[in-house]
């Protein structure tokens, strides 16, 4: 539904009939690379996509105050435990790392974490 609303807003803007302003809660997305998680019918993450920083400027969020934001959520802790000795950790810190390579590393880490989680839950 949010995508459809964004499409309507873009169409109105293109046609020159955009409203003069937006609600105070509508804020631009912070700059920086970001991840989009696609959900399946059950509400579970079905796909994860790393997007480049320059696309964040076209996205907006609903933010009533500093503690509440939708559909954007800034994580305060890492998603995965990656040991300090893991070479992926240093590789991901490289500023010159192309987005496609970064996404590939993140996919590998995601698969590894999923396998480890399944092993732990089977043994519990």
PDB file of N, CA and C in Angstrom:
ATOM      1  N   UNK A   1       0.813  -1.183   0.000  1.00  0.00           N
ATOM      2  CA  UNK A   1       0.000   0.000   0.000  1.00  0.00           C
ATOM      3  C   UNK A   1       0.864   1.258   0.000  1.00  0.00           C
ATOM      4  N   UNK A   2       1.980   1.231   0.724  1.00  0.00           N
ATOM      5  CA  UNK A   2       2.861   2.406   0.748  1.00  0.00           C
ATOM      6  C   UNK A   2       3.447   2.684  -0.635  1.00  0.00           C
ATOM      7  N   UNK A   3       3.776   1.620  -1.363  1.00  0.00           N
ATOM      8  CA  UNK A   3       4.330   1.795  -2.704  1.00  0.00           C
ATOM      9  C   UNK A   3       3.308   2.471  -3.617  1.00  0.00           C
ATOM     10  N   UNK A   4       2.045   2.079  -3.483  1.00  0.00           N
ATOM     11  CA  UNK A   4       0.996   2.680  -4.302  1.00  0.00           C
ATOM     12  C   UNK A   4       0.811   4.163  -3.965  1.00  0.00           C
ATOM     13  N   UNK A   5       0.876   4.481  -2.680  1.00  0.00           N
ATOM     14  CA  UNK A   5       0.759   5.882  -2.276  1.00  0.00           C
ATOM     15  C   UNK A   5       1.923   6.711  -2.816  1.00  0.00           C
ATOM     16  N   UNK A   6       3.124   6.130  -2.775  1.00  0.00           N
ATOM     17  CA  UNK A   6       4.297   6.826  -3.314  1.00  0.00           C
ATOM     18  C   UNK A   6       4.144   7.037  -4.813  1.00  0.00           C
ATOM     19  N   UNK A   7       3.611   6.032  -5.510  1.00  0.00           N
ATOM     20  CA  UNK A   7       3.405   6.141  -6.957  1.00  0.00           C
ATOM     21  C   UNK A   7       2.403   7.238  -7.280  1.00  0.00           C
ATOM     22  N   UNK A   8       1.335   7.330  -6.500  1.00  0.00           N
ATOM     23  CA  UNK A   8       0.342   8.391  -6.700  1.00  0.00           C
ATOM     24  C   UNK A   8       0.981   9.760  -6.474  1.00  0.00           C
ATOM     25  N   UNK A   9       1.750   9.888  -5.399  1.00  0.00           N
ATOM     26  CA  UNK A   9       2.414  11.165  -5.100  1.00  0.00           C
ATOM     27  C   UNK A   9       3.362  11.567  -6.225  1.00  0.00           C
ATOM     28  N   UNK A  10       4.118  10.595  -6.748  1.00  0.00           N
ATOM     29  CA  UNK A  10       5.039  10.885  -7.852  1.00  0.00           C
ATOM     30  C   UNK A  10       4.279  11.311  -9.106  1.00  0.00           C
ATOM     31  N   UNK A  11       3.167  10.645  -9.395  1.00  0.00           N
ATOM     32  CA  UNK A  11       2.357  10.986 -10.570  1.00  0.00           C
ATOM     33  C   UNK A  11       1.778  12.389 -10.445  1.00  0.00           C
ATOM     34  N   UNK A  12       1.274  12.712  -9.263  1.00  0.00           N
ATOM     35  CA  UNK A  12       0.736  14.058  -9.046  1.00  0.00           C
ATOM     36  C   UNK A  12       1.819  15.119  -9.213  1.00  0.00           C
ATOM     37  N   UNK A  13       2.993  14.840  -8.669  1.00  0.00           N
ATOM     38  CA  UNK A  13       4.113  15.774  -8.783  1.00  0.00           C
ATOM     39  C   UNK A  13       4.501  15.972 -10.254  1.00  0.00           C
ATOM     40  N   UNK A  14       4.557  14.870 -11.002  1.00  0.00           N
ATOM     41  CA  UNK A  14       4.908  14.936 -12.424  1.00  0.00           C
ATOM     42  C   UNK A  14       3.876  15.750 -13.203  1.00  0.00           C
ATOM     43  N   UNK A  15       2.611  15.616 -12.835  1.00  0.00           N
ATOM     44  CA  UNK A  15       1.541  16.346 -13.514  1.00  0.00           C
ATOM     45  C   UNK A  15       1.444  17.798 -13.053  1.00  0.00           C
ATOM     46  N   UNK A  16       2.250  18.177 -12.069  1.00  0.00           N
ATOM     47  CA  UNK A  16       2.244  19.553 -11.597  1.00  0.00           C
ATOM     48  C   UNK A  16       1.105  19.872 -10.652  1.00  0.00           C
ATOM     49  N   UNK A  17       0.483  18.855 -10.063  1.00  0.00           N
ATOM     50  CA  UNK A  17      -0.631  19.097  -9.149  1.00  0.00           C
ATOM     51  C   UNK A  17      -0.341  18.546  -7.751  1.00  0.00           C
ATOM     52  N   UNK A  18       0.916  18.576  -7.398  1.00  0.00           N
ATOM     53  CA  UNK A  18       1.306  18.080  -6.078  1.00  0.00           C
ATOM     54  C   UNK A  18       0.865  19.062  -4.994  1.00  0.00           C
ATOM     55  N   UNK A  19       0.540  18.557  -3.830  1.00  0.00           N
ATOM     56  CA  UNK A  19       0.183  19.466  -2.736  1.00  0.00           C
ATOM     57  C   UNK A  19       1.364  20.361  -2.360  1.00  0.00           C
ATOM     58  N   UNK A  20       1.068  21.472  -1.737  1.00  0.00           N
ATOM     59  CA  UNK A  20       2.111  22.446  -1.416  1.00  0.00           C
ATOM     60  C   UNK A  20       3.087  21.954  -0.354  1.00  0.00           C
ATOM     61  N   UNK A  21       2.654  21.052   0.489  1.00  0.00           N
ATOM     62  CA  UNK A  21       3.534  20.559   1.541  1.00  0.00           C
ATOM     63  C   UNK A  21       3.083  19.198   2.024  1.00  0.00           C
ATOM     64  N   UNK A  22       3.859  18.630   2.912  1.00  0.00           N
ATOM     65  CA  UNK A  22       3.486  17.326   3.450  1.00  0.00           C
ATOM     66  C   UNK A  22       3.256  17.453   4.953  1.00  0.00           C
ATOM     67  N   UNK A  23       2.714  16.415   5.510  1.00  0.00           N
ATOM     68  CA  UNK A  23       2.449  16.379   6.940  1.00  0.00           C
ATOM     69  C   UNK A  23       3.776  16.466   7.700  1.00  0.00           C
ATOM     70  N   UNK A  24       3.744  17.013   8.907  1.00  0.00           N
ATOM     71  CA  UNK A  24       4.960  17.171   9.714  1.00  0.00           C
ATOM     72  C   UNK A  24       5.641  15.848  10.025  1.00  0.00           C
ATOM     73  N   UNK A  25       4.893  14.760  10.024  1.00  0.00           N
ATOM     74  CA  UNK A  25       5.469  13.456  10.344  1.00  0.00           C
ATOM     75  C   UNK A  25       6.204  12.824   9.165  1.00  0.00           C
ATOM     76  N   UNK A  26       5.984  13.328   7.949  1.00  0.00           N
ATOM     77  CA  UNK A  26       6.646  12.767   6.765  1.00  0.00           C
ATOM     78  C   UNK A  26       8.041  13.373   6.672  1.00  0.00           C
ATOM     79  N   UNK A  27       9.042  12.490   6.776  1.00  0.00           N
ATOM     80  CA  UNK A  27      10.442  12.945   6.797  1.00  0.00           C
ATOM     81  C   UNK A  27      11.237  12.196   5.726  1.00  0.00           C
ATOM     82  N   UNK A  28      12.284  12.819   5.206  1.00  0.00           N
ATOM     83  CA  UNK A  28      13.138  12.100   4.251  1.00  0.00           C
ATOM     84  C   UNK A  28      13.925  11.004   4.968  1.00  0.00           C
ATOM     85  N   UNK A  29      14.207   9.957   4.230  1.00  0.00           N
ATOM     86  CA  UNK A  29      15.020   8.866   4.761  1.00  0.00           C
ATOM     87  C   UNK A  29      16.454   9.355   4.950  1.00  0.00           C
ATOM     88  N   UNK A  30      17.113   8.884   5.994  1.00  0.00           N
ATOM     89  CA  UNK A  30      18.509   9.255   6.229  1.00  0.00           C
ATOM     90  C   UNK A  30      19.389   8.729   5.102  1.00  0.00           C
ATOM     91  N   UNK A  31      20.458   9.449   4.809  1.00  0.00           N
ATOM     92  CA  UNK A  31      21.364   9.036   3.740  1.00  0.00           C
ATOM     93  C   UNK A  31      22.230   7.873   4.195  1.00  0.00           C
ATOM     94  N   UNK A  32      22.574   7.038   3.254  1.00  0.00           N
ATOM     95  CA  UNK A  32      23.428   5.887   3.526  1.00  0.00           C
ATOM     96  C   UNK A  32      22.859   4.651   2.865  1.00  0.00           C
ATOM     97  N   UNK A  33      23.711   3.666   2.616  1.00  0.00           N
ATOM     98  CA  UNK A  33      23.238   2.397   2.079  1.00  0.00           C
ATOM     99  C   UNK A  33      22.200   1.829   3.027  1.00  0.00           C
ATOM    100  N   UNK A  34      21.252   1.101   2.488  1.00  0.00           N
ATOM    101  CA  UNK A  34      20.192   0.558   3.335  1.00  0.00           C
ATOM    102  C   UNK A  34      19.747  -0.795   2.812  1.00  0.00           C
ATOM    103  N   UNK A  35      19.031  -1.504   3.646  1.00  0.00           N
ATOM    104  CA  UNK A  35      18.536  -2.833   3.311  1.00  0.00           C
ATOM    105  C   UNK A  35      17.022  -2.782   3.255  1.00  0.00           C
ATOM    106  N   UNK A  36      16.468  -3.405   2.222  1.00  0.00           N
ATOM    107  CA  UNK A  36      15.020  -3.563   2.130  1.00  0.00           C
ATOM    108  C   UNK A  36      14.726  -5.038   2.328  1.00  0.00           C
ATOM    109  N   UNK A  37      13.832  -5.332   3.234  1.00  0.00           N
ATOM    110  CA  UNK A  37      13.420  -6.716   3.476  1.00  0.00           C
ATOM    111  C   UNK A  37      12.038  -6.916   2.875  1.00  0.00           C
ATOM    112  N   UNK A  38      11.929  -7.880   1.969  1.00  0.00           N
ATOM    113  CA  UNK A  38      10.644  -8.227   1.365  1.00  0.00           C
ATOM    114  C   UNK A  38      10.001  -9.353   2.150  1.00  0.00           C
ATOM    115  N   UNK A  39       8.739  -9.203   2.482  1.00  0.00           N
ATOM    116  CA  UNK A  39       8.039 -10.202   3.292  1.00  0.00           C
ATOM    117  C   UNK A  39       7.154 -11.082   2.422  1.00  0.00           C
ATOM    118  N   UNK A  40       6.974 -12.330   2.848  1.00  0.00           N
ATOM    119  CA  UNK A  40       6.055 -13.215   2.144  1.00  0.00           C
ATOM    120  C   UNK A  40       4.665 -13.088   2.768  1.00  0.00           C
ATOM    121  N   UNK A  41       3.729 -13.953   2.337  1.00  0.00           N
ATOM    122  CA  UNK A  41       2.350 -13.889   2.822  1.00  0.00           C
ATOM    123  C   UNK A  41       2.244 -14.123   4.324  1.00  0.00           C
ATOM    124  N   UNK A  42       3.195 -14.882   4.886  1.00  0.00           N
ATOM    125  CA  UNK A  42       3.185 -15.178   6.319  1.00  0.00           C
ATOM    126  C   UNK A  42       3.821 -14.081   7.163  1.00  0.00           C
ATOM    127  N   UNK A  43       4.341 -13.047   6.515  1.00  0.00           N
ATOM    128  CA  UNK A  43       5.000 -11.974   7.236  1.00  0.00           C
ATOM    129  C   UNK A  43       6.455 -12.265   7.549  1.00  0.00           C
ATOM    130  N   UNK A  44       6.996 -13.325   6.964  1.00  0.00           N
ATOM    131  CA  UNK A  44       8.403 -13.666   7.172  1.00  0.00           C
ATOM    132  C   UNK A  44       9.252 -13.056   6.068  1.00  0.00           C
ATOM    133  N   UNK A  45      10.506 -12.795   6.386  1.00  0.00           N
ATOM    134  CA  UNK A  45      11.417 -12.217   5.405  1.00  0.00           C
ATOM    135  C   UNK A  45      11.660 -13.229   4.290  1.00  0.00           C
ATOM    136  N   UNK A  46      11.328 -12.848   3.059  1.00  0.00           N
ATOM    137  CA  UNK A  46      11.487 -13.721   1.906  1.00  0.00           C
ATOM    138  C   UNK A  46      12.702 -13.328   1.082  1.00  0.00           C
ATOM    139  N   UNK A  47      13.057 -12.049   1.111  1.00  0.00           N
ATOM    140  CA  UNK A  47      14.221 -11.575   0.361  1.00  0.00           C
ATOM    141  C   UNK A  47      14.793 -10.337   1.042  1.00  0.00           C
ATOM    142  N   UNK A  48      16.073 -10.168   0.856  1.00  0.00           N
ATOM    143  CA  UNK A  48      16.770  -9.015   1.411  1.00  0.00           C
ATOM    144  C   UNK A  48      17.571  -8.386   0.288  1.00  0.00           C
ATOM    145  N   UNK A  49      17.480  -7.079   0.195  1.00  0.00           N
ATOM    146  CA  UNK A  49      18.123  -6.373  -0.894  1.00  0.00           C
ATOM    147  C   UNK A  49      18.941  -5.207  -0.337  1.00  0.00           C
ATOM    148  N   UNK A  50      20.205  -5.129  -0.691  1.00  0.00           N
ATOM    149  CA  UNK A  50      21.034  -3.986  -0.310  1.00  0.00           C
ATOM    150  C   UNK A  50      20.870  -2.922  -1.376  1.00  0.00           C
ATOM    151  N   UNK A  51      20.521  -1.714  -0.960  1.00  0.00           N
ATOM    152  CA  UNK A  51      20.304  -0.615  -1.894  1.00  0.00           C
ATOM    153  C   UNK A  51      21.339   0.476  -1.646  1.00  0.00           C
ATOM    154  N   UNK A  52      21.776   1.158  -2.700  1.00  0.00           N
ATOM    155  CA  UNK A  52      22.798   2.203  -2.558  1.00  0.00           C
ATOM    156  C   UNK A  52      22.248   3.483  -1.930  1.00  0.00           C
ATOM    157  N   UNK A  53      23.145   4.238  -1.329  1.00  0.00           N
ATOM    158  CA  UNK A  53      22.788   5.452  -0.590  1.00  0.00           C
ATOM    159  C   UNK A  53      22.011   6.455  -1.430  1.00  0.00           C
ATOM    160  N   UNK A  54      22.324   6.551  -2.736  1.00  0.00           N
ATOM    161  CA  UNK A  54      21.682   7.590  -3.545  1.00  0.00           C
ATOM    162  C   UNK A  54      20.187   7.339  -3.748  1.00  0.00           C
ATOM    163  N   UNK A  55      19.723   6.125  -3.511  1.00  0.00           N
ATOM    164  CA  UNK A  55      18.290   5.842  -3.610  1.00  0.00           C
ATOM    165  C   UNK A  55      17.533   6.271  -2.357  1.00  0.00           C
ATOM    166  N   UNK A  56      18.242   6.433  -1.241  1.00  0.00           N
ATOM    167  CA  UNK A  56      17.563   6.791   0.007  1.00  0.00           C
ATOM    168  C   UNK A  56      16.964   8.195  -0.054  1.00  0.00           C
ATOM    169  N   UNK A  57      17.500   9.046  -0.896  1.00  0.00           N
ATOM    170  CA  UNK A  57      17.000  10.419  -0.998  1.00  0.00           C
ATOM    171  C   UNK A  57      15.577  10.462  -1.561  1.00  0.00           C
ATOM    172  N   UNK A  58      15.159   9.405  -2.274  1.00  0.00           N
ATOM    173  CA  UNK A  58      13.814   9.368  -2.861  1.00  0.00           C
ATOM    174  C   UNK A  58      12.798   8.694  -1.942  1.00  0.00           C
ATOM    175  N   UNK A  59      13.253   8.221  -0.790  1.00  0.00           N
ATOM    176  CA  UNK A  59      12.371   7.511   0.127  1.00  0.00           C
ATOM    177  C   UNK A  59      11.985   8.388   1.308  1.00  0.00           C
ATOM    178  N   UNK A  60      10.806   8.141   1.820  1.00  0.00           N
ATOM    179  CA  UNK A  60      10.310   8.892   2.960  1.00  0.00           C
ATOM    180  C   UNK A  60       9.838   7.929   4.030  1.00  0.00           C
ATOM    181  N   UNK A  61       9.765   8.442   5.236  1.00  0.00           N
ATOM    182  CA  UNK A  61       9.270   7.645   6.353  1.00  0.00           C
ATOM    183  C   UNK A  61       8.270   8.475   7.136  1.00  0.00           C
ATOM    184  N   UNK A  62       7.457   7.791   7.895  1.00  0.00           N
ATOM    185  CA  UNK A  62       6.525   8.453   8.801  1.00  0.00           C
ATOM    186  C   UNK A  62       7.193   8.424  10.168  1.00  0.00           C
ATOM    187  N   UNK A  63       7.473   9.606  10.719  1.00  0.00           N
ATOM    188  CA  UNK A  63       8.176   9.677  11.998  1.00  0.00           C
ATOM    189  C   UNK A  63       7.475  10.682  12.902  1.00  0.00           C
ATOM    190  N   UNK A  64       6.703  10.131  13.832  1.00  0.00           N
ATOM    191  CA  UNK A  64       5.962  10.972  14.768  1.00  0.00           C
ATOM    192  C   UNK A  64       6.917  11.685  15.720  1.00  0.00           C
ATOM    193  N   UNK A  65       7.927  10.944  16.204  1.00  0.00           N
ATOM    194  CA  UNK A  65       8.931  11.515  17.093  1.00  0.00           C
ATOM    195  C   UNK A  65      10.220  10.712  16.911  1.00  0.00           C
ATOM    196  N   UNK A  66      11.230  10.987  17.701  1.00  0.00           N
ATOM    197  CA  UNK A  66      12.527  10.328  17.524  1.00  0.00           C
ATOM    198  C   UNK A  66      12.505   8.828  17.824  1.00  0.00           C
ATOM    199  N   UNK A  67      11.507   8.365  18.545  1.00  0.00           N
ATOM    200  CA  UNK A  67      11.455   6.951  18.912  1.00  0.00           C
ATOM    201  C   UNK A  67      10.598   6.114  17.963  1.00  0.00           C
ATOM    202  N   UNK A  68       9.747   6.733  17.173  1.00  0.00           N
ATOM    203  CA  UNK A  68       8.804   6.003  16.332  1.00  0.00           C
ATOM    204  C   UNK A  68       8.967   6.384  14.871  1.00  0.00           C
ATOM    205  N   UNK A  69       9.209   5.373  14.035  1.00  0.00           N
ATOM    206  CA  UNK A  69       9.406   5.595  12.614  1.00  0.00           C
ATOM    207  C   UNK A  69       8.827   4.415  11.845  1.00  0.00           C
ATOM    208  N   UNK A  70       8.145   4.683  10.739  1.00  0.00           N
ATOM    209  CA  UNK A  70       7.564   3.622   9.920  1.00  0.00           C
ATOM    210  C   UNK A  70       7.695   4.008   8.463  1.00  0.00           C
ATOM    211  N   UNK A  71       7.994   3.145   7.542  1.00  0.00           N
ATOM    212  CA  UNK A  71       8.340   1.735   7.673  1.00  0.00           C
ATOM    213  C   UNK A  71       9.834   1.512   7.893  1.00  0.00           C
ATOM    214  N   UNK A  72      10.538   2.565   8.255  1.00  0.00           N
ATOM    215  CA  UNK A  72      11.981   2.469   8.472  1.00  0.00           C
ATOM    216  C   UNK A  72      12.263   2.130   9.926  1.00  0.00           C
ATOM    217  N   UNK A  73      13.205   1.248  10.129  1.00  0.00           N
ATOM    218  CA  UNK A  73      13.612   0.917  11.485  1.00  0.00           C
ATOM    219  C   UNK A  73      15.132   0.873  11.520  1.00  0.00           C
ATOM    220  N   UNK A  74      15.721   1.701  12.337  1.00  0.00           N
ATOM    221  CA  UNK A  74      17.173   1.734  12.474  1.00  0.00           C
ATOM    222  C   UNK A  74      17.561   0.816  13.627  1.00  0.00           C
ATOM    223  N   UNK A  75      18.344  -0.179  13.300  1.00  0.00           N
ATOM    224  CA  UNK A  75      18.730  -1.173  14.305  1.00  0.00           C
ATOM    225  C   UNK A  75      19.815  -0.636  15.224  1.00  0.00           C
ATOM    226  N   UNK A  76      19.675  -0.934  16.508  1.00  0.00           N
ATOM    227  CA  UNK A  76      20.668  -0.509  17.491  1.00  0.00           C
ATOM    228  C   UNK A  76      21.733  -1.573  17.726  1.00  0.00           C
ATOM    229  N   UNK A  77      21.503  -2.751  17.182  1.00  0.00           N
ATOM    230  CA  UNK A  77      22.437  -3.869  17.376  1.00  0.00           C
ATOM    231  C   UNK A  77      22.570  -4.621  16.065  1.00  0.00           C
ATOM    232  N   UNK A  78      23.651  -5.355  15.892  1.00  0.00           N
ATOM    233  CA  UNK A  78      23.830  -6.111  14.644  1.00  0.00           C
ATOM    234  C   UNK A  78      22.757  -7.186  14.478  1.00  0.00           C
ATOM    235  N   UNK A  79      22.449  -7.497  13.232  1.00  0.00           N
ATOM    236  CA  UNK A  79      21.515  -8.575  12.936  1.00  0.00           C
ATOM    237  C   UNK A  79      22.133  -9.939  13.205  1.00  0.00           C
ATOM    238  N   UNK A  80      23.418 -10.068  12.959  1.00  0.00           N
ATOM    239  CA  UNK A  80      24.105 -11.352  13.072  1.00  0.00           C
ATOM    240  C   UNK A  80      25.346 -11.204  13.936  1.00  0.00           C
ATOM    241  N   UNK A  81      25.732 -12.315  14.540  1.00  0.00           N
ATOM    242  CA  UNK A  81      27.004 -12.363  15.251  1.00  0.00           C
ATOM    243  C   UNK A  81      28.067 -12.817  14.248  1.00  0.00           C
ATOM    244  N   UNK A  82      28.960 -11.921  13.924  1.00  0.00           N
ATOM    245  CA  UNK A  82      30.063 -12.249  13.017  1.00  0.00           C
ATOM    246  C   UNK A  82      31.340 -12.132  13.833  1.00  0.00           C
ATOM    247  N   UNK A  83      32.046 -13.255  14.029  1.00  0.00           N
ATOM    248  CA  UNK A  83      33.258 -13.217  14.851  1.00  0.00           C
ATOM    249  C   UNK A  83      34.269 -12.186  14.335  1.00  0.00           C
ATOM    250  N   UNK A  84      35.023 -11.608  15.247  1.00  0.00           N
ATOM    251  CA  UNK A  84      36.030 -10.605  14.876  1.00  0.00           C
ATOM    252  C   UNK A  84      37.053 -11.165  13.900  1.00  0.00           C
ATOM    253  N   UNK A  85      37.272 -12.473  13.946  1.00  0.00           N
ATOM    254  CA  UNK A  85      38.271 -13.092  13.067  1.00  0.00           C
ATOM    255  C   UNK A  85      37.729 -13.373  11.667  1.00  0.00           C
ATOM    256  N   UNK A  86      36.444 -13.166  11.443  1.00  0.00           N
ATOM    257  CA  UNK A  86      35.839 -13.455  10.137  1.00  0.00           C
ATOM    258  C   UNK A  86      36.325 -12.428   9.109  1.00  0.00           C
ATOM    259  N   UNK A  87      36.899 -12.902   7.985  1.00  0.00           N
ATOM    260  CA  UNK A  87      37.396 -11.967   6.962  1.00  0.00           C
ATOM    261  C   UNK A  87      36.297 -11.082   6.372  1.00  0.00           C
ATOM    262  N   UNK A  88      35.052 -11.534   6.403  1.00  0.00           N
ATOM    263  CA  UNK A  88      33.952 -10.733   5.853  1.00  0.00           C
ATOM    264  C   UNK A  88      33.809  -9.412   6.593  1.00  0.00           C
ATOM    265  N   UNK A  89      34.119  -9.430   7.863  1.00  0.00           N
ATOM    266  CA  UNK A  89      33.990  -8.224   8.686  1.00  0.00           C
ATOM    267  C   UNK A  89      34.875  -7.092   8.151  1.00  0.00           C
ATOM    268  N   UNK A  90      36.118  -7.399   7.903  1.00  0.00           N
ATOM    269  CA  UNK A  90      37.042  -6.380   7.376  1.00  0.00           C
ATOM    270  C   UNK A  90      36.659  -5.974   5.958  1.00  0.00           C
ATOM    271  N   UNK A  91      36.246  -6.956   5.175  1.00  0.00           N
ATOM    272  CA  UNK A  91      35.868  -6.680   3.785  1.00  0.00           C
ATOM    273  C   UNK A  91      34.686  -5.709   3.718  1.00  0.00           C
ATOM    274  N   UNK A  92      33.712  -5.896   4.599  1.00  0.00           N
ATOM    275  CA  UNK A  92      32.537  -5.023   4.599  1.00  0.00           C
ATOM    276  C   UNK A  92      32.858  -3.604   5.050  1.00  0.00           C
ATOM    277  N   UNK A  93      33.947  -3.411   5.764  1.00  0.00           N
ATOM    278  CA  UNK A  93      34.349  -2.067   6.215  1.00  0.00           C
ATOM    279  C   UNK A  93      34.942  -1.221   5.090  1.00  0.00           C
ATOM    280  N   UNK A  94      35.374  -1.897   4.017  1.00  0.00           N
ATOM    281  CA  UNK A  94      36.020  -1.176   2.905  1.00  0.00           C
ATOM    282  C   UNK A  94      35.037  -0.220   2.234  1.00  0.00           C
ATOM    283  N   UNK A  95      35.355   1.058   2.241  1.00  0.00           N
ATOM    284  CA  UNK A  95      34.477   2.058   1.639  1.00  0.00           C
ATOM    285  C   UNK A  95      34.378   1.886   0.124  1.00  0.00           C
ATOM    286  N   UNK A  96      35.432   1.358  -0.494  1.00  0.00           N
ATOM    287  CA  UNK A  96      35.449   1.211  -1.951  1.00  0.00           C
ATOM    288  C   UNK A  96      34.788  -0.081  -2.429  1.00  0.00           C
ATOM    289  N   UNK A  97      34.253  -0.873  -1.517  1.00  0.00           N
ATOM    290  CA  UNK A  97      33.624  -2.141  -1.876  1.00  0.00           C
ATOM    291  C   UNK A  97      32.355  -1.865  -2.698  1.00  0.00           C
ATOM    292  N   UNK A  98      32.305  -2.387  -3.928  1.00  0.00           N
ATOM    293  CA  UNK A  98      31.112  -2.159  -4.763  1.00  0.00           C
ATOM    294  C   UNK A  98      29.857  -2.780  -4.116  1.00  0.00           C
ATOM    295  N   UNK A  99      28.723  -2.167  -4.368  1.00  0.00           N
ATOM    296  CA  UNK A  99      27.466  -2.611  -3.761  1.00  0.00           C
ATOM    297  C   UNK A  99      27.157  -4.071  -4.093  1.00  0.00           C
ATOM    298  N   UNK A 100      27.449  -4.501  -5.309  1.00  0.00           N
ATOM    299  CA  UNK A 100      27.158  -5.892  -5.697  1.00  0.00           C
ATOM    300  C   UNK A 100      27.982  -6.870  -4.859  1.00  0.00           C
ATOM    301  N   UNK A 101      29.251  -6.536  -4.620  1.00  0.00           N
ATOM    302  CA  UNK A 101      30.103  -7.407  -3.788  1.00  0.00           C
ATOM    303  C   UNK A 101      29.641  -7.385  -2.332  1.00  0.00           C
ATOM    304  N   UNK A 102      29.236  -6.204  -1.853  1.00  0.00           N
ATOM    305  CA  UNK A 102      28.736  -6.079  -0.481  1.00  0.00           C
ATOM    306  C   UNK A 102      27.478  -6.938  -0.316  1.00  0.00           C
ATOM    307  N   UNK A 103      26.591  -6.868  -1.292  1.00  0.00           N
ATOM    308  CA  UNK A 103      25.361  -7.661  -1.246  1.00  0.00           C
ATOM    309  C   UNK A 103      25.676  -9.148  -1.253  1.00  0.00           C
ATOM    310  N   UNK A 104      26.650  -9.550  -2.050  1.00  0.00           N
ATOM    311  CA  UNK A 104      27.041 -10.960  -2.117  1.00  0.00           C
ATOM    312  C   UNK A 104      27.569 -11.450  -0.764  1.00  0.00           C
ATOM    313  N   UNK A 105      28.398 -10.654  -0.119  1.00  0.00           N
ATOM    314  CA  UNK A 105      28.934 -11.008   1.204  1.00  0.00           C
ATOM    315  C   UNK A 105      27.799 -11.106   2.218  1.00  0.00           C
ATOM    316  N   UNK A 106      26.865 -10.158   2.174  1.00  0.00           N
ATOM    317  CA  UNK A 106      25.741 -10.177   3.101  1.00  0.00           C
ATOM    318  C   UNK A 106      24.850 -11.396   2.875  1.00  0.00           C
ATOM    319  N   UNK A 107      24.654 -11.781   1.606  1.00  0.00           N
ATOM    320  CA  UNK A 107      23.860 -12.990   1.323  1.00  0.00           C
ATOM    321  C   UNK A 107      24.536 -14.221   1.903  1.00  0.00           C
ATOM    322  N   UNK A 108      25.870 -14.317   1.747  1.00  0.00           N
ATOM    323  CA  UNK A 108      26.604 -15.462   2.297  1.00  0.00           C
ATOM    324  C   UNK A 108      26.485 -15.498   3.819  1.00  0.00           C
ATOM    325  N   UNK A 109      26.640 -14.347   4.451  1.00  0.00           N
ATOM    326  CA  UNK A 109      26.499 -14.284   5.911  1.00  0.00           C
ATOM    327  C   UNK A 109      25.087 -14.679   6.331  1.00  0.00           C
ATOM    328  N   UNK A 110      24.097 -14.235   5.580  1.00  0.00           N
ATOM    329  CA  UNK A 110      22.713 -14.565   5.894  1.00  0.00           C
ATOM    330  C   UNK A 110      22.479 -16.071   5.814  1.00  0.00           C
ATOM    331  N   UNK A 111      22.974 -16.703   4.761  1.00  0.00           N
ATOM    332  CA  UNK A 111      22.808 -18.155   4.626  1.00  0.00           C
ATOM    333  C   UNK A 111      23.504 -18.887   5.769  1.00  0.00           C
ATOM    334  N   UNK A 112      24.708 -18.430   6.108  1.00  0.00           N
ATOM    335  CA  UNK A 112      25.456 -19.062   7.194  1.00  0.00           C
ATOM    336  C   UNK A 112      24.707 -18.926   8.519  1.00  0.00           C
ATOM    337  N   UNK A 113      24.203 -17.730   8.799  1.00  0.00           N
ATOM    338  CA  UNK A 113      23.464 -17.500  10.041  1.00  0.00           C
ATOM    339  C   UNK A 113      22.197 -18.350  10.090  1.00  0.00           C
ATOM    340  N   UNK A 114      21.512 -18.485   8.937  1.00  0.00           N
ATOM    341  CA  UNK A 114      20.302 -19.296   8.876  1.00  0.00           C
ATOM    342  C   UNK A 114      20.606 -20.759   9.201  1.00  0.00           C
ATOM    343  N   UNK A 115      21.700 -21.282   8.624  1.00  0.00           N
ATOM    344  CA  UNK A 115      22.099 -22.669   8.907  1.00  0.00           C
ATOM    345  C   UNK A 115      22.416 -22.851  10.387  1.00  0.00           C
ATOM    346  N   UNK A 116      23.167 -21.903  10.953  1.00  0.00           N
ATOM    347  CA  UNK A 116      23.516 -21.997  12.371  1.00  0.00           C
ATOM    348  C   UNK A 116      22.271 -21.932  13.247  1.00  0.00           C
ATOM    349  N   UNK A 117      21.332 -21.080  12.907  1.00  0.00           N
ATOM    350  CA  UNK A 117      20.099 -20.961  13.675  1.00  0.00           C
ATOM    351  C   UNK A 117      19.308 -22.270  13.623  1.00  0.00           C
ATOM    352  N   UNK A 118      19.197 -22.854  12.431  1.00  0.00           N
ATOM    353  CA  UNK A 118      18.459 -24.122  12.290  1.00  0.00           C
ATOM    354  C   UNK A 118      19.109 -25.224  13.121  1.00  0.00           C
ATOM    355  N   UNK A 119      20.449 -25.273  13.103  1.00  0.00           N
ATOM    356  CA  UNK A 119      21.151 -26.289  13.909  1.00  0.00           C
ATOM    357  C   UNK A 119      20.857 -26.104  15.394  1.00  0.00           C
ATOM    358  N   UNK A 120      20.910 -24.849  15.847  1.00  0.00           N
ATOM    359  CA  UNK A 120      20.666 -24.580  17.270  1.00  0.00           C
ATOM    360  C   UNK A 120      19.249 -24.934  17.667  1.00  0.00           C
ATOM    361  N   UNK A 121      18.276 -24.594  16.815  1.00  0.00           N
ATOM    362  CA  UNK A 121      16.885 -24.865  17.178  1.00  0.00           C
ATOM    363  C   UNK A 121      16.568 -26.360  17.116  1.00  0.00           C
ATOM    364  N   UNK A 122      17.224 -27.112  16.240  1.00  0.00           N
ATOM    365  CA  UNK A 122      17.018 -28.560  16.183  1.00  0.00           C
ATOM    366  C   UNK A 122      17.580 -29.234  17.423  1.00  0.00           C
ATOM    367  N   UNK A 123      18.697 -28.706  17.917  1.00  0.00           N
ATOM    368  CA  UNK A 123      19.368 -29.314  19.081  1.00  0.00           C
ATOM    369  C   UNK A 123      18.776 -28.856  20.409  1.00  0.00           C
ATOM    370  N   UNK A 124      17.915 -27.883  20.370  1.00  0.00           N
ATOM    371  CA  UNK A 124      17.353 -27.343  21.632  1.00  0.00           C
ATOM    372  C   UNK A 124      16.209 -28.184  22.155  1.00  0.00           C
TER     373      UNK A 124
END
